[in-house]
PDB file of all heavy atoms in Angstrom:
ATOM      1  N   GLY A   1       0.804  -1.212   0.000  1.00  0.00           N
ATOM      2  CA  GLY A   1       0.000   0.000   0.000  1.00  0.00           C
ATOM      3  C   GLY A   1       0.837   1.261   0.000  1.00  0.00           C
ATOM      4  O   GLY A   1       0.338   2.343  -0.338  1.00  0.00           O
ATOM      5  N   LEU A   2       2.105   1.119   0.371  1.00  0.00           N
ATOM      6  CA  LEU A   2       3.021   2.262   0.379  1.00  0.00           C
ATOM      7  C   LEU A   2       3.922   2.296  -0.854  1.00  0.00           C
ATOM      8  O   LEU A   2       4.900   3.047  -0.900  1.00  0.00           O
ATOM      9  CB  LEU A   2       3.870   2.219   1.653  1.00  0.00           C
ATOM     10  CG  LEU A   2       3.085   2.397   2.958  1.00  0.00           C
ATOM     11  CD1 LEU A   2       3.970   2.102   4.155  1.00  0.00           C
ATOM     12  CD2 LEU A   2       2.529   3.825   3.040  1.00  0.00           C
ATOM     13  N   GLY A   3       3.601   1.481  -1.844  1.00  0.00           N
ATOM     14  CA  GLY A   3       4.336   1.515  -3.102  1.00  0.00           C
ATOM     15  C   GLY A   3       5.549   0.610  -3.157  1.00  0.00           C
ATOM     16  O   GLY A   3       6.366   0.717  -4.077  1.00  0.00           O
ATOM     17  N   ILE A   4       5.687  -0.307  -2.203  1.00  0.00           N
ATOM     18  CA  ILE A   4       6.809  -1.253  -2.191  1.00  0.00           C
ATOM     19  C   ILE A   4       6.346  -2.578  -2.778  1.00  0.00           C
ATOM     20  O   ILE A   4       5.267  -3.079  -2.456  1.00  0.00           O
ATOM     21  CB  ILE A   4       7.346  -1.443  -0.758  1.00  0.00           C
ATOM     22  CG1 ILE A   4       7.979  -0.143  -0.267  1.00  0.00           C
ATOM     23  CG2 ILE A   4       8.343  -2.589  -0.680  1.00  0.00           C
ATOM     24  CD1 ILE A   4       8.411  -0.187   1.191  1.00  0.00           C
ATOM     25  N   HIS A   5       7.176  -3.163  -3.626  1.00  0.00           N
ATOM     26  CA  HIS A   5       6.851  -4.445  -4.257  1.00  0.00           C
ATOM     27  C   HIS A   5       7.359  -5.590  -3.402  1.00  0.00           C
ATOM     28  O   HIS A   5       8.509  -5.580  -2.952  1.00  0.00           O
ATOM     29  CB  HIS A   5       7.478  -4.526  -5.647  1.00  0.00           C
ATOM     30  CG  HIS A   5       7.294  -5.856  -6.320  1.00  0.00           C
ATOM     31  ND1 HIS A   5       6.059  -6.389  -6.585  1.00  0.00           N
ATOM     32  CD2 HIS A   5       8.215  -6.766  -6.768  1.00  0.00           C
ATOM     33  CE1 HIS A   5       6.209  -7.565  -7.176  1.00  0.00           C
ATOM     34  NE2 HIS A   5       7.496  -7.818  -7.290  1.00  0.00           N
ATOM     35  N   VAL A   6       6.510  -6.561  -3.136  1.00  0.00           N
ATOM     36  CA  VAL A   6       6.914  -7.765  -2.409  1.00  0.00           C
ATOM     37  C   VAL A   6       7.384  -8.799  -3.424  1.00  0.00           C
ATOM     38  O   VAL A   6       6.608  -9.288  -4.245  1.00  0.00           O
ATOM     39  CB  VAL A   6       5.760  -8.318  -1.549  1.00  0.00           C
ATOM     40  CG1 VAL A   6       6.146  -9.667  -0.948  1.00  0.00           C
ATOM     41  CG2 VAL A   6       5.408  -7.323  -0.447  1.00  0.00           C
ATOM     42  N   VAL A   7       8.667  -9.099  -3.376  1.00  0.00           N
ATOM     43  CA  VAL A   7       9.282 -10.024  -4.341  1.00  0.00           C
ATOM     44  C   VAL A   7       8.999 -11.466  -3.967  1.00  0.00           C
ATOM     45  O   VAL A   7       8.657 -12.295  -4.811  1.00  0.00           O
ATOM     46  CB  VAL A   7      10.806  -9.779  -4.419  1.00  0.00           C
ATOM     47  CG1 VAL A   7      11.472 -10.763  -5.373  1.00  0.00           C
ATOM     48  CG2 VAL A   7      11.085  -8.344  -4.837  1.00  0.00           C
ATOM     49  N   SER A   8       9.148 -11.789  -2.678  1.00  0.00           N
ATOM     50  CA  SER A   8       8.937 -13.173  -2.233  1.00  0.00           C
ATOM     51  C   SER A   8       8.708 -13.184  -0.732  1.00  0.00           C
ATOM     52  O   SER A   8       9.098 -12.257  -0.014  1.00  0.00           O
ATOM     53  CB  SER A   8      10.146 -14.053  -2.579  1.00  0.00           C
ATOM     54  OG  SER A   8      11.312 -13.593  -1.902  1.00  0.00           O
ATOM     55  N   THR A   9       8.062 -14.242  -0.262  1.00  0.00           N
ATOM     56  CA  THR A   9       7.880 -14.452   1.171  1.00  0.00           C
ATOM     57  C   THR A   9       8.317 -15.867   1.519  1.00  0.00           C
ATOM     58  O   THR A   9       8.139 -16.798   0.727  1.00  0.00           O
ATOM     59  CB  THR A   9       6.413 -14.251   1.598  1.00  0.00           C
ATOM     60  OG1 THR A   9       5.594 -15.214   0.920  1.00  0.00           O
ATOM     61  CG2 THR A   9       5.938 -12.853   1.265  1.00  0.00           C
ATOM     62  N   ASP A  10       8.876 -16.045   2.706  1.00  0.00           N
ATOM     63  CA  ASP A  10       9.307 -17.359   3.173  1.00  0.00           C
ATOM     64  C   ASP A  10       8.884 -17.498   4.634  1.00  0.00           C
ATOM     65  O   ASP A  10       9.583 -17.035   5.536  1.00  0.00           O
ATOM     66  CB  ASP A  10      10.825 -17.514   3.037  1.00  0.00           C
ATOM     67  CG  ASP A  10      11.304 -18.913   3.394  1.00  0.00           C
ATOM     68  OD1 ASP A  10      10.459 -19.742   3.807  1.00  0.00           O
ATOM     69  OD2 ASP A  10      12.514 -19.189   3.281  1.00  0.00           O
ATOM     70  N   PRO A  11       7.720 -18.110   4.883  1.00  0.00           N
ATOM     71  CA  PRO A  11       7.211 -18.189   6.260  1.00  0.00           C
ATOM     72  C   PRO A  11       8.162 -18.905   7.220  1.00  0.00           C
ATOM     73  O   PRO A  11       8.276 -18.514   8.381  1.00  0.00           O
ATOM     74  CB  PRO A  11       5.897 -18.962   6.104  1.00  0.00           C
ATOM     75  CG  PRO A  11       5.482 -18.727   4.680  1.00  0.00           C
ATOM     76  CD  PRO A  11       6.768 -18.667   3.904  1.00  0.00           C
ATOM     77  N   ALA A  12       8.847 -19.962   6.767  1.00  0.00           N
ATOM     78  CA  ALA A  12       9.706 -20.735   7.672  1.00  0.00           C
ATOM     79  C   ALA A  12      10.852 -19.887   8.215  1.00  0.00           C
ATOM     80  O   ALA A  12      11.129 -19.892   9.417  1.00  0.00           O
ATOM     81  CB  ALA A  12      10.248 -21.967   6.968  1.00  0.00           C
ATOM     82  N   SER A  13      11.524 -19.146   7.330  1.00  0.00           N
ATOM     83  CA  SER A  13      12.647 -18.310   7.768  1.00  0.00           C
ATOM     84  C   SER A  13      12.215 -16.907   8.148  1.00  0.00           C
ATOM     85  O   SER A  13      13.056 -16.078   8.512  1.00  0.00           O
ATOM     86  CB  SER A  13      13.708 -18.237   6.665  1.00  0.00           C
ATOM     87  OG  SER A  13      13.218 -17.565   5.524  1.00  0.00           O
ATOM     88  N   ARG A  14      10.913 -16.620   8.028  1.00  0.00           N
ATOM     89  CA  ARG A  14      10.325 -15.343   8.459  1.00  0.00           C
ATOM     90  C   ARG A  14      10.853 -14.165   7.656  1.00  0.00           C
ATOM     91  O   ARG A  14      10.942 -13.048   8.151  1.00  0.00           O
ATOM     92  CB  ARG A  14      10.569 -15.105   9.965  1.00  0.00           C
ATOM     93  CG  ARG A  14      10.205 -16.274  10.830  1.00  0.00           C
ATOM     94  CD  ARG A  14      10.578 -16.124  12.281  1.00  0.00           C
ATOM     95  NE  ARG A  14      11.849 -15.445  12.505  1.00  0.00           N
ATOM     96  CZ  ARG A  14      13.034 -16.007  12.330  1.00  0.00           C
ATOM     97  NH1 ARG A  14      13.135 -17.258  11.886  1.00  0.00           N
ATOM     98  NH2 ARG A  14      14.140 -15.327  12.574  1.00  0.00           N
ATOM     99  N   ARG A  15      11.193 -14.391   6.395  1.00  0.00           N
ATOM    100  CA  ARG A  15      11.761 -13.332   5.565  1.00  0.00           C
ATOM    101  C   ARG A  15      10.795 -12.915   4.457  1.00  0.00           C
ATOM    102  O   ARG A  15      10.126 -13.758   3.856  1.00  0.00           O
ATOM    103  CB  ARG A  15      13.066 -13.787   4.916  1.00  0.00           C
ATOM    104  CG  ARG A  15      14.216 -13.995   5.888  1.00  0.00           C
ATOM    105  CD  ARG A  15      15.430 -14.566   5.140  1.00  0.00           C
ATOM    106  NE  ARG A  15      15.086 -15.830   4.504  1.00  0.00           N
ATOM    107  CZ  ARG A  15      15.434 -16.178   3.263  1.00  0.00           C
ATOM    108  NH1 ARG A  15      16.126 -15.331   2.508  1.00  0.00           N
ATOM    109  NH2 ARG A  15      15.089 -17.350   2.775  1.00  0.00           N
ATOM    110  N   ILE A  16      10.782 -11.619   4.190  1.00  0.00           N
ATOM    111  CA  ILE A  16      10.069 -11.070   3.039  1.00  0.00           C
ATOM    112  C   ILE A  16      11.080 -10.261   2.245  1.00  0.00           C
ATOM    113  O   ILE A  16      11.727  -9.358   2.773  1.00  0.00           O
ATOM    114  CB  ILE A  16       8.890 -10.185   3.472  1.00  0.00           C
ATOM    115  CG1 ILE A  16       7.861 -11.013   4.251  1.00  0.00           C
ATOM    116  CG2 ILE A  16       8.241  -9.527   2.259  1.00  0.00           C
ATOM    117  CD1 ILE A  16       6.684 -10.196   4.759  1.00  0.00           C
ATOM    118  N   ARG A  17      11.217 -10.591   0.976  1.00  0.00           N
ATOM    119  CA  ARG A  17      12.126  -9.844   0.093  1.00  0.00           C
ATOM    120  C   ARG A  17      11.311  -8.772  -0.603  1.00  0.00           C
ATOM    121  O   ARG A  17      10.246  -9.046  -1.175  1.00  0.00           O
ATOM    122  CB  ARG A  17      12.755 -10.805  -0.925  1.00  0.00           C
ATOM    123  CG  ARG A  17      13.896 -10.221  -1.727  1.00  0.00           C
ATOM    124  CD  ARG A  17      15.137 -10.037  -0.915  1.00  0.00           C
ATOM    125  NE  ARG A  17      16.255  -9.598  -1.794  1.00  0.00           N
ATOM    126  CZ  ARG A  17      17.351  -9.049  -1.336  1.00  0.00           C
ATOM    127  NH1 ARG A  17      17.520  -8.870  -0.031  1.00  0.00           N
ATOM    128  NH2 ARG A  17      18.299  -8.680  -2.169  1.00  0.00           N
ATOM    129  N   ILE A  18      11.792  -7.521  -0.550  1.00  0.00           N
ATOM    130  CA  ILE A  18      11.049  -6.395  -1.092  1.00  0.00           C
ATOM    131  C   ILE A  18      11.909  -5.619  -2.084  1.00  0.00           C
ATOM    132  O   ILE A  18      13.142  -5.725  -2.075  1.00  0.00           O
ATOM    133  CB  ILE A  18      10.575  -5.445   0.019  1.00  0.00           C
ATOM    134  CG1 ILE A  18      11.773  -4.851   0.781  1.00  0.00           C
ATOM    135  CG2 ILE A  18       9.618  -6.160   0.964  1.00  0.00           C
ATOM    136  CD1 ILE A  18      11.410  -3.768   1.773  1.00  0.00           C
ATOM    137  N   SER A  19      11.263  -4.828  -2.913  1.00  0.00           N
ATOM    138  CA  SER A  19      11.986  -3.932  -3.812  1.00  0.00           C
ATOM    139  C   SER A  19      11.211  -2.632  -3.956  1.00  0.00           C
ATOM    140  O   SER A  19       9.994  -2.573  -3.754  1.00  0.00           O
ATOM    141  CB  SER A  19      12.203  -4.579  -5.185  1.00  0.00           C
ATOM    142  OG  SER A  19      10.987  -4.671  -5.893  1.00  0.00           O
ATOM    143  N   GLY A  20      11.945  -1.598  -4.319  1.00  0.00           N
ATOM    144  CA  GLY A  20      11.356  -0.284  -4.528  1.00  0.00           C
ATOM    145  C   GLY A  20      12.463   0.706  -4.808  1.00  0.00           C
ATOM    146  O   GLY A  20      13.656   0.370  -4.726  1.00  0.00           O
ATOM    147  N   SER A  21      12.106   1.915  -5.148  1.00  0.00           N
ATOM    148  CA  SER A  21      13.127   2.921  -5.387  1.00  0.00           C
ATOM    149  C   SER A  21      13.804   3.302  -4.078  1.00  0.00           C
ATOM    150  O   SER A  21      13.252   3.129  -2.990  1.00  0.00           O
ATOM    151  CB  SER A  21      12.519   4.163  -6.035  1.00  0.00           C
ATOM    152  OG  SER A  21      11.743   4.875  -5.072  1.00  0.00           O
ATOM    153  N   ALA A  22      15.032   3.816  -4.185  1.00  0.00           N
ATOM    154  CA  ALA A  22      15.744   4.272  -2.994  1.00  0.00           C
ATOM    155  C   ALA A  22      14.944   5.338  -2.256  1.00  0.00           C
ATOM    156  O   ALA A  22      14.915   5.372  -1.018  1.00  0.00           O
ATOM    157  CB  ALA A  22      17.123   4.803  -3.383  1.00  0.00           C
ATOM    158  N   ASN A  23      14.266   6.200  -3.009  1.00  0.00           N
ATOM    159  CA  ASN A  23      13.452   7.241  -2.385  1.00  0.00           C
ATOM    160  C   ASN A  23      12.289   6.646  -1.601  1.00  0.00           C
ATOM    161  O   ASN A  23      12.015   7.028  -0.465  1.00  0.00           O
ATOM    162  CB  ASN A  23      12.916   8.198  -3.444  1.00  0.00           C
ATOM    163  CG  ASN A  23      13.928   9.276  -3.816  1.00  0.00           C
ATOM    164  OD1 ASN A  23      14.861   9.540  -3.074  1.00  0.00           O
ATOM    165  ND2 ASN A  23      13.735   9.890  -4.969  1.00  0.00           N
ATOM    166  N   THR A  24      11.593   5.695  -2.215  1.00  0.00           N
ATOM    167  CA  THR A  24      10.424   5.103  -1.557  1.00  0.00           C
ATOM    168  C   THR A  24      10.835   4.318  -0.322  1.00  0.00           C
ATOM    169  O   THR A  24      10.244   4.473   0.758  1.00  0.00           O
ATOM    170  CB  THR A  24       9.671   4.189  -2.535  1.00  0.00           C
ATOM    171  OG1 THR A  24       9.178   4.969  -3.619  1.00  0.00           O
ATOM    172  CG2 THR A  24       8.500   3.510  -1.842  1.00  0.00           C
ATOM    173  N   LEU A  25      11.854   3.464  -0.459  1.00  0.00           N
ATOM    174  CA  LEU A  25      12.296   2.672   0.685  1.00  0.00           C
ATOM    175  C   LEU A  25      12.831   3.582   1.789  1.00  0.00           C
ATOM    176  O   LEU A  25      12.602   3.334   2.977  1.00  0.00           O
ATOM    177  CB  LEU A  25      13.356   1.662   0.256  1.00  0.00           C
ATOM    178  CG  LEU A  25      12.866   0.547  -0.676  1.00  0.00           C
ATOM    179  CD1 LEU A  25      14.019  -0.376  -1.058  1.00  0.00           C
ATOM    180  CD2 LEU A  25      11.754  -0.260  -0.037  1.00  0.00           C
ATOM    181  N   GLY A  26      13.530   4.622   1.402  1.00  0.00           N
ATOM    182  CA  GLY A  26      14.028   5.562   2.401  1.00  0.00           C
ATOM    183  C   GLY A  26      12.910   6.239   3.154  1.00  0.00           C
ATOM    184  O   GLY A  26      12.980   6.432   4.376  1.00  0.00           O
ATOM    185  N   HIS A  27      11.878   6.624   2.434  1.00  0.00           N
ATOM    186  CA  HIS A  27      10.742   7.301   3.063  1.00  0.00           C
ATOM    187  C   HIS A  27      10.000   6.372   4.015  1.00  0.00           C
ATOM    188  O   HIS A  27       9.697   6.743   5.158  1.00  0.00           O
ATOM    189  CB  HIS A  27       9.801   7.823   1.988  1.00  0.00           C
ATOM    190  CG  HIS A  27       8.626   8.598   2.526  1.00  0.00           C
ATOM    191  ND1 HIS A  27       8.767   9.739   3.277  1.00  0.00           N
ATOM    192  CD2 HIS A  27       7.290   8.366   2.414  1.00  0.00           C
ATOM    193  CE1 HIS A  27       7.559  10.190   3.604  1.00  0.00           C
ATOM    194  NE2 HIS A  27       6.659   9.381   3.100  1.00  0.00           N
ATOM    195  N   VAL A  28       9.721   5.142   3.565  1.00  0.00           N
ATOM    196  CA  VAL A  28       8.941   4.201   4.368  1.00  0.00           C
ATOM    197  C   VAL A  28       9.711   3.756   5.607  1.00  0.00           C
ATOM    198  O   VAL A  28       9.115   3.530   6.670  1.00  0.00           O
ATOM    199  CB  VAL A  28       8.515   2.994   3.511  1.00  0.00           C
ATOM    200  CG1 VAL A  28       7.891   1.892   4.379  1.00  0.00           C
ATOM    201  CG2 VAL A  28       7.530   3.435   2.431  1.00  0.00           C
ATOM    202  N   PHE A  29      11.037   3.664   5.478  1.00  0.00           N
ATOM    203  CA  PHE A  29      11.841   3.191   6.609  1.00  0.00           C
ATOM    204  C   PHE A  29      12.615   4.316   7.289  1.00  0.00           C
ATOM    205  O   PHE A  29      13.536   4.070   8.069  1.00  0.00           O
ATOM    206  CB  PHE A  29      12.759   2.060   6.167  1.00  0.00           C
ATOM    207  CG  PHE A  29      12.003   0.826   5.728  1.00  0.00           C
ATOM    208  CD1 PHE A  29      11.997   0.432   4.396  1.00  0.00           C
ATOM    209  CD2 PHE A  29      11.259   0.103   6.642  1.00  0.00           C
ATOM    210  CE1 PHE A  29      11.284  -0.686   3.984  1.00  0.00           C
ATOM    211  CE2 PHE A  29      10.531  -1.020   6.248  1.00  0.00           C
ATOM    212  CZ  PHE A  29      10.545  -1.418   4.915  1.00  0.00           C
ATOM    213  N   GLY A  30      12.244   5.552   7.000  1.00  0.00           N
ATOM    214  CA  GLY A  30      12.735   6.686   7.759  1.00  0.00           C
ATOM    215  C   GLY A  30      14.223   6.940   7.667  1.00  0.00           C
ATOM    216  O   GLY A  30      14.859   7.301   8.665  1.00  0.00           O
ATOM    217  N   THR A  31      14.795   6.773   6.476  1.00  0.00           N
ATOM    218  CA  THR A  31      16.228   7.005   6.332  1.00  0.00           C
ATOM    219  C   THR A  31      16.516   7.632   4.982  1.00  0.00           C
ATOM    220  O   THR A  31      15.641   7.719   4.116  1.00  0.00           O
ATOM    221  CB  THR A  31      17.011   5.680   6.481  1.00  0.00           C
ATOM    222  OG1 THR A  31      18.408   5.960   6.605  1.00  0.00           O
ATOM    223  CG2 THR A  31      16.776   4.754   5.293  1.00  0.00           C
ATOM    224  N   GLN A  32      17.745   8.069   4.810  1.00  0.00           N
ATOM    225  CA  GLN A  32      18.197   8.597   3.522  1.00  0.00           C
ATOM    226  C   GLN A  32      19.347   7.739   3.038  1.00  0.00           C
ATOM    227  O   GLN A  32      20.320   7.509   3.772  1.00  0.00           O
ATOM    228  CB  GLN A  32      18.648  10.054   3.657  1.00  0.00           C
ATOM    229  CG  GLN A  32      19.072  10.682   2.329  1.00  0.00           C
ATOM    230  CD  GLN A  32      19.394  12.157   2.470  1.00  0.00           C
ATOM    231  OE1 GLN A  32      19.232  12.730   3.551  1.00  0.00           O
ATOM    232  NE2 GLN A  32      19.855  12.772   1.391  1.00  0.00           N
ATOM    233  N   LEU A  33      19.251   7.265   1.803  1.00  0.00           N
ATOM    234  CA  LEU A  33      20.281   6.415   1.217  1.00  0.00           C
ATOM    235  C   LEU A  33      21.118   7.230   0.244  1.00  0.00           C
ATOM    236  O   LEU A  33      20.578   7.897  -0.638  1.00  0.00           O
ATOM    237  CB  LEU A  33      19.643   5.222   0.494  1.00  0.00           C
ATOM    238  CG  LEU A  33      18.751   4.325   1.366  1.00  0.00           C
ATOM    239  CD1 LEU A  33      18.096   3.238   0.504  1.00  0.00           C
ATOM    240  CD2 LEU A  33      19.557   3.691   2.489  1.00  0.00           C
ATOM    241  N   GLU A  34      22.425   7.177   0.422  1.00  0.00           N
ATOM    242  CA  GLU A  34      23.345   7.912  -0.434  1.00  0.00           C
ATOM    243  C   GLU A  34      24.326   6.944  -1.088  1.00  0.00           C
ATOM    244  O   GLU A  34      24.790   5.995  -0.447  1.00  0.00           O
ATOM    245  CB  GLU A  34      24.133   8.935   0.374  1.00  0.00           C
ATOM    246  CG  GLU A  34      23.286   9.984   1.068  1.00  0.00           C
ATOM    247  CD  GLU A  34      24.131  10.900   1.933  1.00  0.00           C
ATOM    248  OE1 GLU A  34      24.819  10.393   2.830  1.00  0.00           O
ATOM    249  OE2 GLU A  34      24.108  12.119   1.678  1.00  0.00           O
ATOM    250  N   ALA A  35      24.650   7.195  -2.336  1.00  0.00           N
ATOM    251  CA  ALA A  35      25.675   6.407  -3.015  1.00  0.00           C
ATOM    252  C   ALA A  35      27.031   7.018  -2.704  1.00  0.00           C
ATOM    253  O   ALA A  35      27.268   8.197  -2.983  1.00  0.00           O
ATOM    254  CB  ALA A  35      25.435   6.405  -4.527  1.00  0.00           C
ATOM    255  N   VAL A  36      27.924   6.218  -2.078  1.00  0.00           N
ATOM    256  CA  VAL A  36      29.207   6.749  -1.631  1.00  0.00           C
ATOM    257  C   VAL A  36      30.348   5.792  -1.984  1.00  0.00           C
ATOM    258  O   VAL A  36      30.136   4.626  -2.306  1.00  0.00           O
ATOM    259  CB  VAL A  36      29.226   6.978  -0.102  1.00  0.00           C
ATOM    260  CG1 VAL A  36      28.121   7.926   0.323  1.00  0.00           C
ATOM    261  CG2 VAL A  36      29.121   5.649   0.654  1.00  0.00           C
ATOM    262  N   THR A  37      31.554   6.329  -1.904  1.00  0.00           N
ATOM    263  CA  THR A  37      32.766   5.519  -1.904  1.00  0.00           C
ATOM    264  C   THR A  37      33.336   5.585  -0.495  1.00  0.00           C
ATOM    265  O   THR A  37      33.518   6.670   0.051  1.00  0.00           O
ATOM    266  CB  THR A  37      33.802   6.059  -2.903  1.00  0.00           C
ATOM    267  OG1 THR A  37      33.249   6.004  -4.217  1.00  0.00           O
ATOM    268  CG2 THR A  37      35.079   5.222  -2.863  1.00  0.00           C
ATOM    269  N   SER A  38      33.589   4.414   0.106  1.00  0.00           N
ATOM    270  CA  SER A  38      34.117   4.387   1.469  1.00  0.00           C
ATOM    271  C   SER A  38      35.263   3.392   1.550  1.00  0.00           C
ATOM    272  O   SER A  38      35.562   2.674   0.586  1.00  0.00           O
ATOM    273  CB  SER A  38      33.022   4.029   2.474  1.00  0.00           C
ATOM    274  OG  SER A  38      32.697   2.657   2.399  1.00  0.00           O
ATOM    275  N   ARG A  39      35.874   3.341   2.718  1.00  0.00           N
ATOM    276  CA  ARG A  39      36.993   2.429   2.927  1.00  0.00           C
ATOM    277  C   ARG A  39      36.521   1.238   3.755  1.00  0.00           C
ATOM    278  O   ARG A  39      36.001   1.404   4.862  1.00  0.00           O
ATOM    279  CB  ARG A  39      38.150   3.143   3.627  1.00  0.00           C
ATOM    280  CG  ARG A  39      39.489   2.434   3.454  1.00  0.00           C
ATOM    281  CD  ARG A  39      40.638   3.274   3.967  1.00  0.00           C
ATOM    282  NE  ARG A  39      40.729   4.588   3.349  1.00  0.00           N
ATOM    283  CZ  ARG A  39      41.240   4.806   2.140  1.00  0.00           C
ATOM    284  NH1 ARG A  39      41.678   3.778   1.411  1.00  0.00           N
ATOM    285  NH2 ARG A  39      41.296   6.031   1.652  1.00  0.00           N
ATOM    286  N   ALA A  40      36.707   0.045   3.228  1.00  0.00           N
ATOM    287  CA  ALA A  40      36.297  -1.164   3.915  1.00  0.00           C
ATOM    288  C   ALA A  40      37.304  -1.519   5.010  1.00  0.00           C
ATOM    289  O   ALA A  40      38.363  -0.900   5.140  1.00  0.00           O
ATOM    290  CB  ALA A  40      36.180  -2.324   2.920  1.00  0.00           C
ATOM    291  N   SER A  41      36.986  -2.540   5.802  1.00  0.00           N
ATOM    292  CA  SER A  41      37.844  -2.911   6.921  1.00  0.00           C
ATOM    293  C   SER A  41      39.222  -3.369   6.481  1.00  0.00           C
ATOM    294  O   SER A  41      40.184  -3.277   7.241  1.00  0.00           O
ATOM    295  CB  SER A  41      37.178  -4.022   7.744  1.00  0.00           C
ATOM    296  OG  SER A  41      36.956  -5.173   6.932  1.00  0.00           O
ATOM    297  N   ASP A  42      39.336  -3.836   5.240  1.00  0.00           N
ATOM    298  CA  ASP A  42      40.645  -4.278   4.747  1.00  0.00           C
ATOM    299  C   ASP A  42      41.415  -3.159   4.045  1.00  0.00           C
ATOM    300  O   ASP A  42      42.482  -3.384   3.467  1.00  0.00           O
ATOM    301  CB  ASP A  42      40.495  -5.472   3.804  1.00  0.00           C
ATOM    302  CG  ASP A  42      39.683  -5.140   2.556  1.00  0.00           C
ATOM    303  OD1 ASP A  42      39.229  -3.977   2.413  1.00  0.00           O
ATOM    304  OD2 ASP A  42      39.494  -6.048   1.720  1.00  0.00           O
TER     305      ASP A  42
END
């Protein structure tokens, strides 16, 4: 209902795979997603 697509559900492992735009997912889950270059632990 919030514009997110449900890709798959797995009742046994309690997982739902979802997809949507970065803007939509960010809005629904209260965050901002940025594309960055960072330094990994190695």
